[in-house]
């Protein structure tokens, strides 16, 4: 649990390396903020991580879909 008390904001976290990084940081105790242009994929990624750390999901801020 190296990252307890830390917050990580991962861009591109809905897929691939970004998602893997978010999962790993959450498993190490970090609070994770997931950011991706694909809001629905970001929410899906957040759901996969919520068992290990608090997560926030955000979509494309240009479309006004950012959630906090």
PDB file of N, CA and C in Angstrom:
ATOM      1  N   UNK A   1       0.835  -1.190   0.000  1.00  0.00           N
ATOM      2  CA  UNK A   1       0.000   0.000   0.000  1.00  0.00           C
ATOM      3  C   UNK A   1       0.879   1.254   0.000  1.00  0.00           C
ATOM      4  N   UNK A   2       1.665   1.404  -1.040  1.00  0.00           N
ATOM      5  CA  UNK A   2       2.614   2.506  -1.128  1.00  0.00           C
ATOM      6  C   UNK A   2       1.981   3.870  -1.338  1.00  0.00           C
ATOM      7  N   UNK A   3       0.739   3.917  -1.819  1.00  0.00           N
ATOM      8  CA  UNK A   3       0.155   5.201  -2.200  1.00  0.00           C
ATOM      9  C   UNK A   3      -1.032   5.612  -1.329  1.00  0.00           C
ATOM     10  N   UNK A   4      -1.135   5.069  -0.133  1.00  0.00           N
ATOM     11  CA  UNK A   4      -2.208   5.459   0.780  1.00  0.00           C
ATOM     12  C   UNK A   4      -2.075   6.952   1.076  1.00  0.00           C
ATOM     13  N   UNK A   5      -3.204   7.664   0.994  1.00  0.00           N
ATOM     14  CA  UNK A   5      -3.202   9.097   1.243  1.00  0.00           C
ATOM     15  C   UNK A   5      -2.802   9.929   0.030  1.00  0.00           C
ATOM     16  N   UNK A   6      -2.536   9.280  -1.091  1.00  0.00           N
ATOM     17  CA  UNK A   6      -2.165   9.976  -2.330  1.00  0.00           C
ATOM     18  C   UNK A   6      -3.328   9.934  -3.307  1.00  0.00           C
ATOM     19  N   UNK A   7      -3.374  10.916  -4.196  1.00  0.00           N
ATOM     20  CA  UNK A   7      -4.382  10.947  -5.248  1.00  0.00           C
ATOM     21  C   UNK A   7      -3.677  10.950  -6.588  1.00  0.00           C
ATOM     22  N   UNK A   8      -4.163  10.122  -7.502  1.00  0.00           N
ATOM     23  CA  UNK A   8      -3.611  10.064  -8.859  1.00  0.00           C
ATOM     24  C   UNK A   8      -4.714  10.404  -9.845  1.00  0.00           C
ATOM     25  N   UNK A   9      -4.424  11.318 -10.778  1.00  0.00           N
ATOM     26  CA  UNK A   9      -5.356  11.621 -11.857  1.00  0.00           C
ATOM     27  C   UNK A   9      -4.769  11.003 -13.120  1.00  0.00           C
ATOM     28  N   UNK A  10      -5.478  10.046 -13.690  1.00  0.00           N
ATOM     29  CA  UNK A  10      -5.000   9.311 -14.854  1.00  0.00           C
ATOM     30  C   UNK A  10      -5.802   9.750 -16.078  1.00  0.00           C
ATOM     31  N   UNK A  11      -5.111  10.328 -17.059  1.00  0.00           N
ATOM     32  CA  UNK A  11      -5.782  10.681 -18.304  1.00  0.00           C
ATOM     33  C   UNK A  11      -5.713   9.482 -19.247  1.00  0.00           C
ATOM     34  N   UNK A  12      -6.753   9.312 -20.028  1.00  0.00           N
ATOM     35  CA  UNK A  12      -6.817   8.149 -20.906  1.00  0.00           C
ATOM     36  C   UNK A  12      -7.000   6.858 -20.137  1.00  0.00           C
ATOM     37  N   UNK A  13      -7.690   6.953 -19.004  1.00  0.00           N
ATOM     38  CA  UNK A  13      -7.782   5.825 -18.078  1.00  0.00           C
ATOM     39  C   UNK A  13      -8.875   4.813 -18.409  1.00  0.00           C
ATOM     40  N   UNK A  14      -9.602   5.026 -19.477  1.00  0.00           N
ATOM     41  CA  UNK A  14     -10.692   4.103 -19.792  1.00  0.00           C
ATOM     42  C   UNK A  14     -10.204   2.816 -20.442  1.00  0.00           C
ATOM     43  N   UNK A  15      -9.013   2.871 -21.040  1.00  0.00           N
ATOM     44  CA  UNK A  15      -8.524   1.698 -21.774  1.00  0.00           C
ATOM     45  C   UNK A  15      -7.012   1.562 -21.669  1.00  0.00           C
ATOM     46  N   UNK A  16      -6.538   0.409 -22.033  1.00  0.00           N
ATOM     47  CA  UNK A  16      -5.113   0.172 -22.220  1.00  0.00           C
ATOM     48  C   UNK A  16      -4.225   0.479 -21.025  1.00  0.00           C
ATOM     49  N   UNK A  17      -3.112   1.138 -21.306  1.00  0.00           N
ATOM     50  CA  UNK A  17      -2.127   1.441 -20.271  1.00  0.00           C
ATOM     51  C   UNK A  17      -2.715   2.344 -19.190  1.00  0.00           C
ATOM     52  N   UNK A  18      -3.545   3.306 -19.587  1.00  0.00           N
ATOM     53  CA  UNK A  18      -4.168   4.195 -18.607  1.00  0.00           C
ATOM     54  C   UNK A  18      -5.034   3.438 -17.622  1.00  0.00           C
ATOM     55  N   UNK A  19      -5.838   2.516 -18.133  1.00  0.00           N
ATOM     56  CA  UNK A  19      -6.696   1.709 -17.251  1.00  0.00           C
ATOM     57  C   UNK A  19      -5.857   0.817 -16.349  1.00  0.00           C
ATOM     58  N   UNK A  20      -4.836   0.191 -16.922  1.00  0.00           N
ATOM     59  CA  UNK A  20      -3.956  -0.668 -16.121  1.00  0.00           C
ATOM     60  C   UNK A  20      -3.260   0.136 -15.028  1.00  0.00           C
ATOM     61  N   UNK A  21      -2.837   1.343 -15.360  1.00  0.00           N
ATOM     62  CA  UNK A  21      -2.187   2.205 -14.362  1.00  0.00           C
ATOM     63  C   UNK A  21      -3.154   2.573 -13.251  1.00  0.00           C
ATOM     64  N   UNK A  22      -4.380   2.920 -13.624  1.00  0.00           N
ATOM     65  CA  UNK A  22      -5.390   3.273 -12.625  1.00  0.00           C
ATOM     66  C   UNK A  22      -5.680   2.095 -11.702  1.00  0.00           C
ATOM     67  N   UNK A  23      -5.818   0.905 -12.287  1.00  0.00           N
ATOM     68  CA  UNK A  23      -6.063  -0.295 -11.476  1.00  0.00           C
ATOM     69  C   UNK A  23      -4.913  -0.556 -10.514  1.00  0.00           C
ATOM     70  N   UNK A  24      -3.696  -0.422 -11.003  1.00  0.00           N
ATOM     71  CA  UNK A  24      -2.524  -0.690 -10.165  1.00  0.00           C
ATOM     72  C   UNK A  24      -2.407   0.317  -9.034  1.00  0.00           C
ATOM     73  N   UNK A  25      -2.565   1.609  -9.354  1.00  0.00           N
ATOM     74  CA  UNK A  25      -2.464   2.634  -8.319  1.00  0.00           C
ATOM     75  C   UNK A  25      -3.551   2.449  -7.262  1.00  0.00           C
ATOM     76  N   UNK A  26      -4.762   2.120  -7.702  1.00  0.00           N
ATOM     77  CA  UNK A  26      -5.843   1.870  -6.750  1.00  0.00           C
ATOM     78  C   UNK A  26      -5.516   0.674  -5.860  1.00  0.00           C
ATOM     79  N   UNK A  27      -4.941  -0.361  -6.443  1.00  0.00           N
ATOM     80  CA  UNK A  27      -4.591  -1.541  -5.648  1.00  0.00           C
ATOM     81  C   UNK A  27      -3.481  -1.247  -4.650  1.00  0.00           C
ATOM     82  N   UNK A  28      -2.716  -0.186  -4.916  1.00  0.00           N
ATOM     83  CA  UNK A  28      -1.646   0.229  -4.006  1.00  0.00           C
ATOM     84  C   UNK A  28      -2.120   1.283  -3.007  1.00  0.00           C
ATOM     85  N   UNK A  29      -3.445   1.561  -3.000  1.00  0.00           N
ATOM     86  CA  UNK A  29      -4.014   2.442  -1.986  1.00  0.00           C
ATOM     87  C   UNK A  29      -4.291   3.862  -2.414  1.00  0.00           C
ATOM     88  N   UNK A  30      -3.997   4.227  -3.641  1.00  0.00           N
ATOM     89  CA  UNK A  30      -4.233   5.599  -4.104  1.00  0.00           C
ATOM     90  C   UNK A  30      -5.710   5.834  -4.362  1.00  0.00           C
ATOM     91  N   UNK A  31      -6.136   7.077  -4.144  1.00  0.00           N
ATOM     92  CA  UNK A  31      -7.434   7.515  -4.647  1.00  0.00           C
ATOM     93  C   UNK A  31      -7.191   7.843  -6.109  1.00  0.00           C
ATOM     94  N   UNK A  32      -8.087   7.410  -6.982  1.00  0.00           N
ATOM     95  CA  UNK A  32      -7.851   7.546  -8.414  1.00  0.00           C
ATOM     96  C   UNK A  32      -8.945   8.379  -9.062  1.00  0.00           C
ATOM     97  N   UNK A  33      -8.528   9.387  -9.827  1.00  0.00           N
ATOM     98  CA  UNK A  33      -9.447  10.170 -10.660  1.00  0.00           C
ATOM     99  C   UNK A  33      -9.228   9.713 -12.095  1.00  0.00           C
ATOM    100  N   UNK A  34     -10.280   9.200 -12.703  1.00  0.00           N
ATOM    101  CA  UNK A  34     -10.197   8.684 -14.067  1.00  0.00           C
ATOM    102  C   UNK A  34     -10.700   9.755 -15.026  1.00  0.00           C
ATOM    103  N   UNK A  35      -9.874  10.070 -16.023  1.00  0.00           N
ATOM    104  CA  UNK A  35     -10.239  11.076 -17.017  1.00  0.00           C
ATOM    105  C   UNK A  35     -10.084  10.458 -18.402  1.00  0.00           C
ATOM    106  N   UNK A  36     -11.111  10.610 -19.230  1.00  0.00           N
ATOM    107  CA  UNK A  36     -11.050  10.084 -20.593  1.00  0.00           C
ATOM    108  C   UNK A  36     -12.067  10.831 -21.439  1.00  0.00           C
ATOM    109  N   UNK A  37     -11.804  10.960 -22.725  1.00  0.00           N
ATOM    110  CA  UNK A  37     -12.756  11.602 -23.625  1.00  0.00           C
ATOM    111  C   UNK A  37     -14.042  10.801 -23.750  1.00  0.00           C
ATOM    112  N   UNK A  38     -13.959   9.497 -23.596  1.00  0.00           N
ATOM    113  CA  UNK A  38     -15.125   8.620 -23.674  1.00  0.00           C
ATOM    114  C   UNK A  38     -15.696   8.453 -22.269  1.00  0.00           C
ATOM    115  N   UNK A  39     -16.696   9.264 -21.960  1.00  0.00           N
ATOM    116  CA  UNK A  39     -17.258   9.283 -20.607  1.00  0.00           C
ATOM    117  C   UNK A  39     -17.780   7.915 -20.183  1.00  0.00           C
ATOM    118  N   UNK A  40     -18.472   7.234 -21.080  1.00  0.00           N
ATOM    119  CA  UNK A  40     -19.050   5.933 -20.725  1.00  0.00           C
ATOM    120  C   UNK A  40     -17.962   4.902 -20.421  1.00  0.00           C
ATOM    121  N   UNK A  41     -16.903   4.909 -21.194  1.00  0.00           N
ATOM    122  CA  UNK A  41     -15.793   3.995 -20.925  1.00  0.00           C
ATOM    123  C   UNK A  41     -15.109   4.363 -19.611  1.00  0.00           C
ATOM    124  N   UNK A  42     -15.030   5.662 -19.309  1.00  0.00           N
ATOM    125  CA  UNK A  42     -14.429   6.098 -18.039  1.00  0.00           C
ATOM    126  C   UNK A  42     -15.263   5.614 -16.856  1.00  0.00           C
ATOM    127  N   UNK A  43     -16.567   5.706 -16.988  1.00  0.00           N
ATOM    128  CA  UNK A  43     -17.448   5.225 -15.916  1.00  0.00           C
ATOM    129  C   UNK A  43     -17.301   3.714 -15.755  1.00  0.00           C
ATOM    130  N   UNK A  44     -17.194   2.988 -16.857  1.00  0.00           N
ATOM    131  CA  UNK A  44     -16.982   1.535 -16.779  1.00  0.00           C
ATOM    132  C   UNK A  44     -15.657   1.212 -16.086  1.00  0.00           C
ATOM    133  N   UNK A  45     -14.608   1.968 -16.407  1.00  0.00           N
ATOM    134  CA  UNK A  45     -13.310   1.754 -15.766  1.00  0.00           C
ATOM    135  C   UNK A  45     -13.408   2.057 -14.275  1.00  0.00           C
ATOM    136  N   UNK A  46     -14.116   3.118 -13.932  1.00  0.00           N
ATOM    137  CA  UNK A  46     -14.288   3.472 -12.521  1.00  0.00           C
ATOM    138  C   UNK A  46     -15.006   2.362 -11.770  1.00  0.00           C
ATOM    139  N   UNK A  47     -16.014   1.784 -12.396  1.00  0.00           N
ATOM    140  CA  UNK A  47     -16.755   0.689 -11.758  1.00  0.00           C
ATOM    141  C   UNK A  47     -15.848  -0.507 -11.497  1.00  0.00           C
ATOM    142  N   UNK A  48     -14.896  -0.740 -12.393  1.00  0.00           N
ATOM    143  CA  UNK A  48     -13.979  -1.869 -12.216  1.00  0.00           C
ATOM    144  C   UNK A  48     -13.012  -1.633 -11.063  1.00  0.00           C
ATOM    145  N   UNK A  49     -12.801  -0.384 -10.716  1.00  0.00           N
ATOM    146  CA  UNK A  49     -11.805  -0.049  -9.695  1.00  0.00           C
ATOM    147  C   UNK A  49     -12.422   0.218  -8.322  1.00  0.00           C
ATOM    148  N   UNK A  50     -13.686   0.539  -8.249  1.00  0.00           N
ATOM    149  CA  UNK A  50     -14.291   0.983  -6.997  1.00  0.00           C
ATOM    150  C   UNK A  50     -14.153  -0.002  -5.845  1.00  0.00           C
ATOM    151  N   UNK A  51     -13.852  -1.222  -6.129  1.00  0.00           N
ATOM    152  CA  UNK A  51     -13.679  -2.197  -5.046  1.00  0.00           C
ATOM    153  C   UNK A  51     -12.382  -1.955  -4.278  1.00  0.00           C
ATOM    154  N   UNK A  52     -11.434  -1.205  -4.858  1.00  0.00           N
ATOM    155  CA  UNK A  52     -10.144  -1.039  -4.205  1.00  0.00           C
ATOM    156  C   UNK A  52      -9.852   0.378  -3.726  1.00  0.00           C
ATOM    157  N   UNK A  53     -10.501   1.394  -4.297  1.00  0.00           N
ATOM    158  CA  UNK A  53     -10.225   2.779  -3.883  1.00  0.00           C
ATOM    159  C   UNK A  53     -11.338   3.688  -4.368  1.00  0.00           C
ATOM    160  N   UNK A  54     -11.523   4.843  -3.696  1.00  0.00           N
ATOM    161  CA  UNK A  54     -12.501   5.809  -4.200  1.00  0.00           C
ATOM    162  C   UNK A  54     -12.096   6.279  -5.596  1.00  0.00           C
ATOM    163  N   UNK A  55     -13.084   6.435  -6.470  1.00  0.00           N
ATOM    164  CA  UNK A  55     -12.812   6.807  -7.857  1.00  0.00           C
ATOM    165  C   UNK A  55     -13.769   7.906  -8.286  1.00  0.00           C
ATOM    166  N   UNK A  56     -13.287   8.831  -9.109  1.00  0.00           N
ATOM    167  CA  UNK A  56     -14.150   9.802  -9.764  1.00  0.00           C
ATOM    168  C   UNK A  56     -14.006   9.606 -11.258  1.00  0.00           C
ATOM    169  N   UNK A  57     -15.095   9.713 -11.981  1.00  0.00           N
ATOM    170  CA  UNK A  57     -15.048   9.550 -13.439  1.00  0.00           C
ATOM    171  C   UNK A  57     -15.402  10.868 -14.091  1.00  0.00           C
ATOM    172  N   UNK A  58     -14.682  11.204 -15.148  1.00  0.00           N
ATOM    173  CA  UNK A  58     -14.946  12.439 -15.875  1.00  0.00           C
ATOM    174  C   UNK A  58     -14.908  12.160 -17.362  1.00  0.00           C
ATOM    175  N   UNK A  59     -15.769  12.835 -18.084  1.00  0.00           N
ATOM    176  CA  UNK A  59     -15.771  12.708 -19.534  1.00  0.00           C
ATOM    177  C   UNK A  59     -15.111  13.911 -20.174  1.00  0.00           C
ATOM    178  N   UNK A  60     -15.395  14.148 -21.408  1.00  0.00           N
ATOM    179  CA  UNK A  60     -14.830  15.254 -22.171  1.00  0.00           C
ATOM    180  C   UNK A  60     -15.375  16.571 -21.621  1.00  0.00           C
ATOM    181  N   UNK A  61     -14.518  17.396 -21.065  1.00  0.00           N
ATOM    182  CA  UNK A  61     -14.950  18.651 -20.459  1.00  0.00           C
ATOM    183  C   UNK A  61     -15.510  19.624 -21.493  1.00  0.00           C
ATOM    184  N   UNK A  62     -15.117  19.469 -22.756  1.00  0.00           N
ATOM    185  CA  UNK A  62     -15.615  20.351 -23.805  1.00  0.00           C
ATOM    186  C   UNK A  62     -17.094  20.125 -24.049  1.00  0.00           C
ATOM    187  N   UNK A  63     -17.599  18.954 -23.744  1.00  0.00           N
ATOM    188  CA  UNK A  63     -19.017  18.683 -23.982  1.00  0.00           C
ATOM    189  C   UNK A  63     -19.842  18.925 -22.730  1.00  0.00           C
ATOM    190  N   UNK A  64     -19.202  19.367 -21.663  1.00  0.00           N
ATOM    191  CA  UNK A  64     -19.927  19.640 -20.429  1.00  0.00           C
ATOM    192  C   UNK A  64     -20.311  18.395 -19.665  1.00  0.00           C
ATOM    193  N   UNK A  65     -19.669  17.274 -19.940  1.00  0.00           N
ATOM    194  CA  UNK A  65     -20.065  16.020 -19.296  1.00  0.00           C
ATOM    195  C   UNK A  65     -19.174  15.634 -18.128  1.00  0.00           C
ATOM    196  N   UNK A  66     -18.356  16.554 -17.637  1.00  0.00           N
ATOM    197  CA  UNK A  66     -17.470  16.219 -16.520  1.00  0.00           C
ATOM    198  C   UNK A  66     -18.287  16.025 -15.265  1.00  0.00           C
ATOM    199  N   UNK A  67     -18.022  14.919 -14.575  1.00  0.00           N
ATOM    200  CA  UNK A  67     -18.682  14.618 -13.306  1.00  0.00           C
ATOM    201  C   UNK A  67     -17.658  14.684 -12.199  1.00  0.00           C
ATOM    202  N   UNK A  68     -18.063  15.238 -11.078  1.00  0.00           N
ATOM    203  CA  UNK A  68     -17.167  15.254  -9.919  1.00  0.00           C
ATOM    204  C   UNK A  68     -17.839  14.637  -8.733  1.00  0.00           C
TER     205      UNK A  68
END
